[in-house]
Amino acid sequence: MQKILTLSLIVLLGIGVSACQSQKRIDDIAEVEEWNPTGLSGGEGAESTLSASGLVEGDSGDTLAGVVTDEDFGDPLSKRVVYFDFDSIVLTPEATRIVEAHAEYLANNRDMALVLEGHADERGTREYNLALGESRAKAVAEVFLGLGVSEDAIRIISYGEERPVDLGPSEDAWSLNRRVEILY
């Protein structure tokens, strides 16, 4: 009888211990670092700069944003996602227009905070894509800072390839995953 009680106690303890094991949550997959935009301009390895006119320029000095009207892209404040070319942190003309519109809005509403979420497609290593997502978010932050948004109001998070919009293995899917989401 003593052996049966001992065995029963061991089985119950085993069940209790296994029930207490923690479950891994899907949200905990990516490591996320916050970035403080202090010292943003002129940083090492910067591939884009903010010109005196507030337009983003690439290494060649070519201005990437031209004269664009509302008819070209619709209301830019209605869009909160900007997309990037493959392996690039340079804002497209449409992305620049969207970011500038949000920057103007936030500069006039100083009580609002801003989160920039950087993303990449699945190509490249996890570490590379986290760095690329961060660099893309920093490129967007440069425009916000250049147009009067307080650096205390900006927070950057990089998810790299960890939160894709489209899981497909095609250029169309990858182009949707190369983005920065503007949240406030």
C-alpha atoms as a PDB file:
ATOM      1  CA  MET A   1       0.000   0.000   0.000  1.00  0.00           C
ATOM      2  CA  GLN A   2       2.913   2.338   0.837  1.00  0.00           C
ATOM      3  CA  LYS A   3       4.400   1.742  -2.644  1.00  0.00           C
ATOM      4  CA  ILE A   4       1.115   2.636  -4.362  1.00  0.00           C
ATOM      5  CA  LEU A   5       0.834   5.909  -2.409  1.00  0.00           C
ATOM      6  CA  THR A   6       4.471   6.788  -3.162  1.00  0.00           C
ATOM      7  CA  LEU A   7       4.026   5.996  -6.852  1.00  0.00           C
ATOM      8  CA  SER A   8       0.793   8.018  -6.992  1.00  0.00           C
ATOM      9  CA  LEU A   9       2.505  10.974  -5.333  1.00  0.00           C
ATOM     10  CA  ILE A  10       5.383  10.842  -7.852  1.00  0.00           C
ATOM     11  CA  VAL A  11       2.948  10.720 -10.787  1.00  0.00           C
ATOM     12  CA  LEU A  12       0.958  13.683  -9.427  1.00  0.00           C
ATOM     13  CA  LEU A  13       4.142  15.695  -8.887  1.00  0.00           C
ATOM     14  CA  GLY A  14       5.248  14.909 -12.441  1.00  0.00           C
ATOM     15  CA  ILE A  15       1.921  16.068 -13.851  1.00  0.00           C
ATOM     16  CA  GLY A  16       2.047  19.222 -11.728  1.00  0.00           C
ATOM     17  CA  VAL A  17       5.573  20.101 -12.850  1.00  0.00           C
ATOM     18  CA  SER A  18       4.809  19.509 -16.526  1.00  0.00           C
ATOM     19  CA  ALA A  19       1.682  21.676 -16.278  1.00  0.00           C
ATOM     20  CA  CYS A  20       3.738  24.558 -14.888  1.00  0.00           C
ATOM     21  CA  GLN A  21       6.109  24.733 -17.852  1.00  0.00           C
ATOM     22  CA  SER A  22       5.842  28.030 -19.692  1.00  0.00           C
ATOM     23  CA  GLN A  23       4.527  28.218 -23.223  1.00  0.00           C
ATOM     24  CA  LYS A  24       6.494  30.205 -25.817  1.00  0.00           C
ATOM     25  CA  ARG A  25       4.364  33.001 -27.206  1.00  0.00           C
ATOM     26  CA  ILE A  26       4.481  33.881 -30.886  1.00  0.00           C
ATOM     27  CA  ASP A  27       4.929  37.570 -29.990  1.00  0.00           C
ATOM     28  CA  ASP A  28       8.223  36.780 -28.250  1.00  0.00           C
ATOM     29  CA  ILE A  29      10.022  35.500 -31.352  1.00  0.00           C
ATOM     30  CA  ALA A  30      11.754  38.711 -32.420  1.00  0.00           C
ATOM     31  CA  GLU A  31      14.204  40.619 -30.301  1.00  0.00           C
ATOM     32  CA  VAL A  32      13.312  44.280 -30.424  1.00  0.00           C
ATOM     33  CA  GLU A  33      15.591  47.177 -29.683  1.00  0.00           C
ATOM     34  CA  GLU A  34      14.528  50.725 -29.166  1.00  0.00           C
ATOM     35  CA  TRP A  35      16.533  53.459 -30.771  1.00  0.00           C
ATOM     36  CA  ASN A  36      17.034  57.004 -29.584  1.00  0.00           C
ATOM     37  CA  PRO A  37      17.470  59.341 -32.558  1.00  0.00           C
ATOM     38  CA  THR A  38      20.139  61.468 -30.849  1.00  0.00           C
ATOM     39  CA  GLY A  39      23.050  61.884 -33.228  1.00  0.00           C
ATOM     40  CA  LEU A  40      20.960  60.623 -36.149  1.00  0.00           C
ATOM     41  CA  SER A  41      22.343  62.909 -38.856  1.00  0.00           C
ATOM     42  CA  GLY A  42      25.790  62.206 -40.181  1.00  0.00           C
ATOM     43  CA  GLY A  43      25.876  58.751 -38.628  1.00  0.00           C
ATOM     44  CA  GLU A  44      28.348  56.161 -39.761  1.00  0.00           C
ATOM     45  CA  GLY A  45      27.194  54.276 -42.820  1.00  0.00           C
ATOM     46  CA  ALA A  46      24.308  56.614 -43.575  1.00  0.00           C
ATOM     47  CA  GLU A  47      23.074  56.026 -47.090  1.00  0.00           C
ATOM     48  CA  SER A  48      20.673  58.922 -47.265  1.00  0.00           C
ATOM     49  CA  THR A  49      20.740  62.495 -46.065  1.00  0.00           C
ATOM     50  CA  LEU A  50      18.211  65.219 -45.525  1.00  0.00           C
ATOM     51  CA  SER A  51      18.727  68.161 -47.843  1.00  0.00           C
ATOM     52  CA  ALA A  52      18.102  71.771 -46.894  1.00  0.00           C
ATOM     53  CA  SER A  53      14.727  71.569 -48.627  1.00  0.00           C
ATOM     54  CA  GLY A  54      13.710  68.602 -46.473  1.00  0.00           C
ATOM     55  CA  LEU A  55      13.968  66.108 -49.318  1.00  0.00           C
ATOM     56  CA  VAL A  56      15.816  62.844 -48.917  1.00  0.00           C
ATOM     57  CA  GLU A  57      18.873  62.417 -51.104  1.00  0.00           C
ATOM     58  CA  GLY A  58      20.864  59.291 -51.877  1.00  0.00           C
ATOM     59  CA  ASP A  59      24.655  58.892 -52.039  1.00  0.00           C
ATOM     60  CA  SER A  60      24.763  60.297 -55.565  1.00  0.00           C
ATOM     61  CA  GLY A  61      23.121  63.531 -54.418  1.00  0.00           C
ATOM     62  CA  ASP A  62      20.130  63.007 -56.701  1.00  0.00           C
ATOM     63  CA  THR A  63      16.966  64.315 -55.110  1.00  0.00           C
ATOM     64  CA  LEU A  64      14.453  61.503 -54.788  1.00  0.00           C
ATOM     65  CA  ALA A  65      11.374  63.636 -54.235  1.00  0.00           C
ATOM     66  CA  GLY A  66      10.133  65.828 -57.007  1.00  0.00           C
ATOM     67  CA  VAL A  67       7.082  67.968 -57.445  1.00  0.00           C
ATOM     68  CA  VAL A  68       4.138  65.718 -56.652  1.00  0.00           C
ATOM     69  CA  THR A  69       0.497  66.714 -56.458  1.00  0.00           C
ATOM     70  CA  ASP A  70      -2.378  65.245 -54.414  1.00  0.00           C
ATOM     71  CA  GLU A  71      -3.740  63.648 -57.579  1.00  0.00           C
ATOM     72  CA  ASP A  72      -0.567  61.577 -57.983  1.00  0.00           C
ATOM     73  CA  PHE A  73      -0.911  59.607 -54.736  1.00  0.00           C
ATOM     74  CA  GLY A  74      -4.153  60.633 -52.998  1.00  0.00           C
ATOM     75  CA  ASP A  75      -4.269  61.901 -49.417  1.00  0.00           C
ATOM     76  CA  PRO A  76      -0.877  61.051 -47.895  1.00  0.00           C
ATOM     77  CA  LEU A  77      -2.186  61.143 -44.299  1.00  0.00           C
ATOM     78  CA  SER A  78      -4.478  58.229 -45.101  1.00  0.00           C
ATOM     79  CA  LYS A  79      -1.398  56.063 -45.700  1.00  0.00           C
ATOM     80  CA  ARG A  80       0.657  54.876 -42.732  1.00  0.00           C
ATOM     81  CA  VAL A  81       2.996  52.481 -44.487  1.00  0.00           C
ATOM     82  CA  VAL A  82       5.938  53.428 -46.688  1.00  0.00           C
ATOM     83  CA  TYR A  83       7.634  50.868 -48.905  1.00  0.00           C
ATOM     84  CA  PHE A  84      11.270  50.431 -49.909  1.00  0.00           C
ATOM     85  CA  ASP A  85      13.123  48.907 -52.829  1.00  0.00           C
ATOM     86  CA  PHE A  86      15.094  45.689 -52.344  1.00  0.00           C
ATOM     87  CA  ASP A  87      18.017  46.060 -49.913  1.00  0.00           C
ATOM     88  CA  SER A  88      17.502  49.849 -49.732  1.00  0.00           C
ATOM     89  CA  ILE A  89      16.903  52.463 -47.069  1.00  0.00           C
ATOM     90  CA  VAL A  90      16.313  55.283 -49.562  1.00  0.00           C
ATOM     91  CA  LEU A  91      12.798  56.701 -49.522  1.00  0.00           C
ATOM     92  CA  THR A  92      10.909  56.631 -52.813  1.00  0.00           C
ATOM     93  CA  PRO A  93       9.150  59.827 -53.947  1.00  0.00           C
ATOM     94  CA  GLU A  94       5.785  58.470 -52.782  1.00  0.00           C
ATOM     95  CA  ALA A  95       7.245  57.430 -49.414  1.00  0.00           C
ATOM     96  CA  THR A  96       8.848  60.846 -48.977  1.00  0.00           C
ATOM     97  CA  ARG A  97       5.537  62.565 -49.653  1.00  0.00           C
ATOM     98  CA  ILE A  98       3.717  60.365 -47.124  1.00  0.00           C
ATOM     99  CA  VAL A  99       6.378  60.885 -44.442  1.00  0.00           C
ATOM    100  CA  GLU A 100       6.481  64.659 -45.018  1.00  0.00           C
ATOM    101  CA  ALA A 101       2.681  64.883 -44.643  1.00  0.00           C
ATOM    102  CA  HIS A 102       2.773  62.949 -41.364  1.00  0.00           C
ATOM    103  CA  ALA A 103       5.724  65.041 -40.150  1.00  0.00           C
ATOM    104  CA  GLU A 104       3.828  68.253 -40.822  1.00  0.00           C
ATOM    105  CA  TYR A 105       0.796  66.887 -38.977  1.00  0.00           C
ATOM    106  CA  LEU A 106       2.882  65.790 -35.972  1.00  0.00           C
ATOM    107  CA  ALA A 107       4.858  69.043 -35.879  1.00  0.00           C
ATOM    108  CA  ASN A 108       1.513  70.824 -35.473  1.00  0.00           C
ATOM    109  CA  ASN A 109       0.318  68.321 -32.839  1.00  0.00           C
ATOM    110  CA  ARG A 110       3.248  68.219 -30.448  1.00  0.00           C
ATOM    111  CA  ASP A 111       1.433  66.201 -27.782  1.00  0.00           C
ATOM    112  CA  MET A 112       1.448  63.099 -29.984  1.00  0.00           C
ATOM    113  CA  ALA A 113       4.103  60.364 -29.932  1.00  0.00           C
ATOM    114  CA  LEU A 114       5.301  58.359 -32.898  1.00  0.00           C
ATOM    115  CA  VAL A 115       6.439  54.748 -33.349  1.00  0.00           C
ATOM    116  CA  LEU A 116       8.259  53.753 -36.516  1.00  0.00           C
ATOM    117  CA  GLU A 117       8.259  49.985 -37.115  1.00  0.00           C
ATOM    118  CA  GLY A 118      10.916  48.835 -39.586  1.00  0.00           C
ATOM    119  CA  HIS A 119      10.444  45.617 -41.564  1.00  0.00           C
ATOM    120  CA  ALA A 120      12.290  43.599 -44.209  1.00  0.00           C
ATOM    121  CA  ASP A 121      11.483  40.696 -46.509  1.00  0.00           C
ATOM    122  CA  GLU A 122      12.646  37.154 -45.755  1.00  0.00           C
ATOM    123  CA  ARG A 123      15.813  37.286 -47.853  1.00  0.00           C
ATOM    124  CA  GLY A 124      18.989  37.753 -45.837  1.00  0.00           C
ATOM    125  CA  THR A 125      19.922  36.623 -42.347  1.00  0.00           C
ATOM    126  CA  ARG A 126      17.775  37.400 -39.331  1.00  0.00           C
ATOM    127  CA  GLU A 127      20.411  39.800 -37.968  1.00  0.00           C
ATOM    128  CA  TYR A 128      20.829  41.569 -41.303  1.00  0.00           C
ATOM    129  CA  ASN A 129      17.075  42.029 -41.673  1.00  0.00           C
ATOM    130  CA  LEU A 130      16.751  43.419 -38.138  1.00  0.00           C
ATOM    131  CA  ALA A 131      19.489  45.945 -38.951  1.00  0.00           C
ATOM    132  CA  LEU A 132      17.868  46.772 -42.310  1.00  0.00           C
ATOM    133  CA  GLY A 133      14.482  47.345 -40.667  1.00  0.00           C
ATOM    134  CA  GLU A 134      16.130  49.651 -38.138  1.00  0.00           C
ATOM    135  CA  SER A 135      17.977  51.560 -40.874  1.00  0.00           C
ATOM    136  CA  ARG A 136      14.750  52.039 -42.797  1.00  0.00           C
ATOM    137  CA  ALA A 137      13.002  53.373 -39.702  1.00  0.00           C
ATOM    138  CA  LYS A 138      15.959  55.704 -39.049  1.00  0.00           C
ATOM    139  CA  ALA A 139      15.719  57.045 -42.620  1.00  0.00           C
ATOM    140  CA  VAL A 140      12.073  57.902 -41.969  1.00  0.00           C
ATOM    141  CA  ALA A 141      12.976  59.409 -38.572  1.00  0.00           C
ATOM    142  CA  GLU A 142      15.501  61.722 -40.269  1.00  0.00           C
ATOM    143  CA  VAL A 143      12.688  63.279 -42.280  1.00  0.00           C
ATOM    144  CA  PHE A 144      10.499  63.675 -39.179  1.00  0.00           C
ATOM    145  CA  LEU A 145      13.349  65.325 -37.267  1.00  0.00           C
ATOM    146  CA  GLY A 146      14.230  67.575 -40.198  1.00  0.00           C
ATOM    147  CA  LEU A 147      10.650  68.808 -40.393  1.00  0.00           C
ATOM    148  CA  GLY A 148      10.280  69.747 -36.733  1.00  0.00           C
ATOM    149  CA  VAL A 149       9.055  66.628 -34.932  1.00  0.00           C
ATOM    150  CA  SER A 150      10.679  66.370 -31.513  1.00  0.00           C
ATOM    151  CA  GLU A 151      13.153  63.521 -31.154  1.00  0.00           C
ATOM    152  CA  ASP A 152      11.543  62.721 -27.778  1.00  0.00           C
ATOM    153  CA  ALA A 153       8.331  61.903 -29.662  1.00  0.00           C
ATOM    154  CA  ILE A 154       9.983  59.295 -31.922  1.00  0.00           C
ATOM    155  CA  ARG A 155      10.496  55.650 -31.017  1.00  0.00           C
ATOM    156  CA  ILE A 156      11.957  53.098 -33.428  1.00  0.00           C
ATOM    157  CA  ILE A 157      11.365  49.359 -33.402  1.00  0.00           C
ATOM    158  CA  SER A 158      12.778  46.875 -35.911  1.00  0.00           C
ATOM    159  CA  TYR A 159      11.044  43.580 -36.543  1.00  0.00           C
ATOM    160  CA  GLY A 160      13.198  42.618 -39.521  1.00  0.00           C
ATOM    161  CA  GLU A 161      11.551  39.688 -41.302  1.00  0.00           C
ATOM    162  CA  GLU A 162       9.574  38.533 -38.241  1.00  0.00           C
ATOM    163  CA  ARG A 163       6.203  40.149 -39.080  1.00  0.00           C
ATOM    164  CA  PRO A 164       5.547  39.725 -42.791  1.00  0.00           C
ATOM    165  CA  VAL A 165       2.379  41.056 -44.378  1.00  0.00           C
ATOM    166  CA  ASP A 166       2.521  38.458 -47.163  1.00  0.00           C
ATOM    167  CA  LEU A 167       4.107  35.022 -46.719  1.00  0.00           C
ATOM    168  CA  GLY A 168       4.352  34.275 -50.437  1.00  0.00           C
ATOM    169  CA  PRO A 169       7.746  33.541 -52.035  1.00  0.00           C
ATOM    170  CA  SER A 170       7.421  36.125 -54.820  1.00  0.00           C
ATOM    171  CA  GLU A 171       8.606  39.644 -55.554  1.00  0.00           C
ATOM    172  CA  ASP A 172       5.057  40.940 -55.054  1.00  0.00           C
ATOM    173  CA  ALA A 173       4.966  39.456 -51.550  1.00  0.00           C
ATOM    174  CA  TRP A 174       8.488  40.599 -50.687  1.00  0.00           C
ATOM    175  CA  SER A 175       7.754  44.166 -51.832  1.00  0.00           C
ATOM    176  CA  LEU A 176       4.877  44.372 -49.318  1.00  0.00           C
ATOM    177  CA  ASN A 177       7.185  43.237 -46.506  1.00  0.00           C
ATOM    178  CA  ARG A 178       9.887  45.897 -47.156  1.00  0.00           C
ATOM    179  CA  ARG A 179       8.239  48.685 -45.215  1.00  0.00           C
ATOM    180  CA  VAL A 180       8.098  51.121 -42.306  1.00  0.00           C
ATOM    181  CA  GLU A 181       4.807  51.464 -40.491  1.00  0.00           C
ATOM    182  CA  ILE A 182       4.020  54.899 -39.028  1.00  0.00           C
ATOM    183  CA  LEU A 183       2.043  54.558 -35.802  1.00  0.00           C
ATOM    184  CA  TYR A 184       0.804  57.356 -33.528  1.00  0.00           C
END
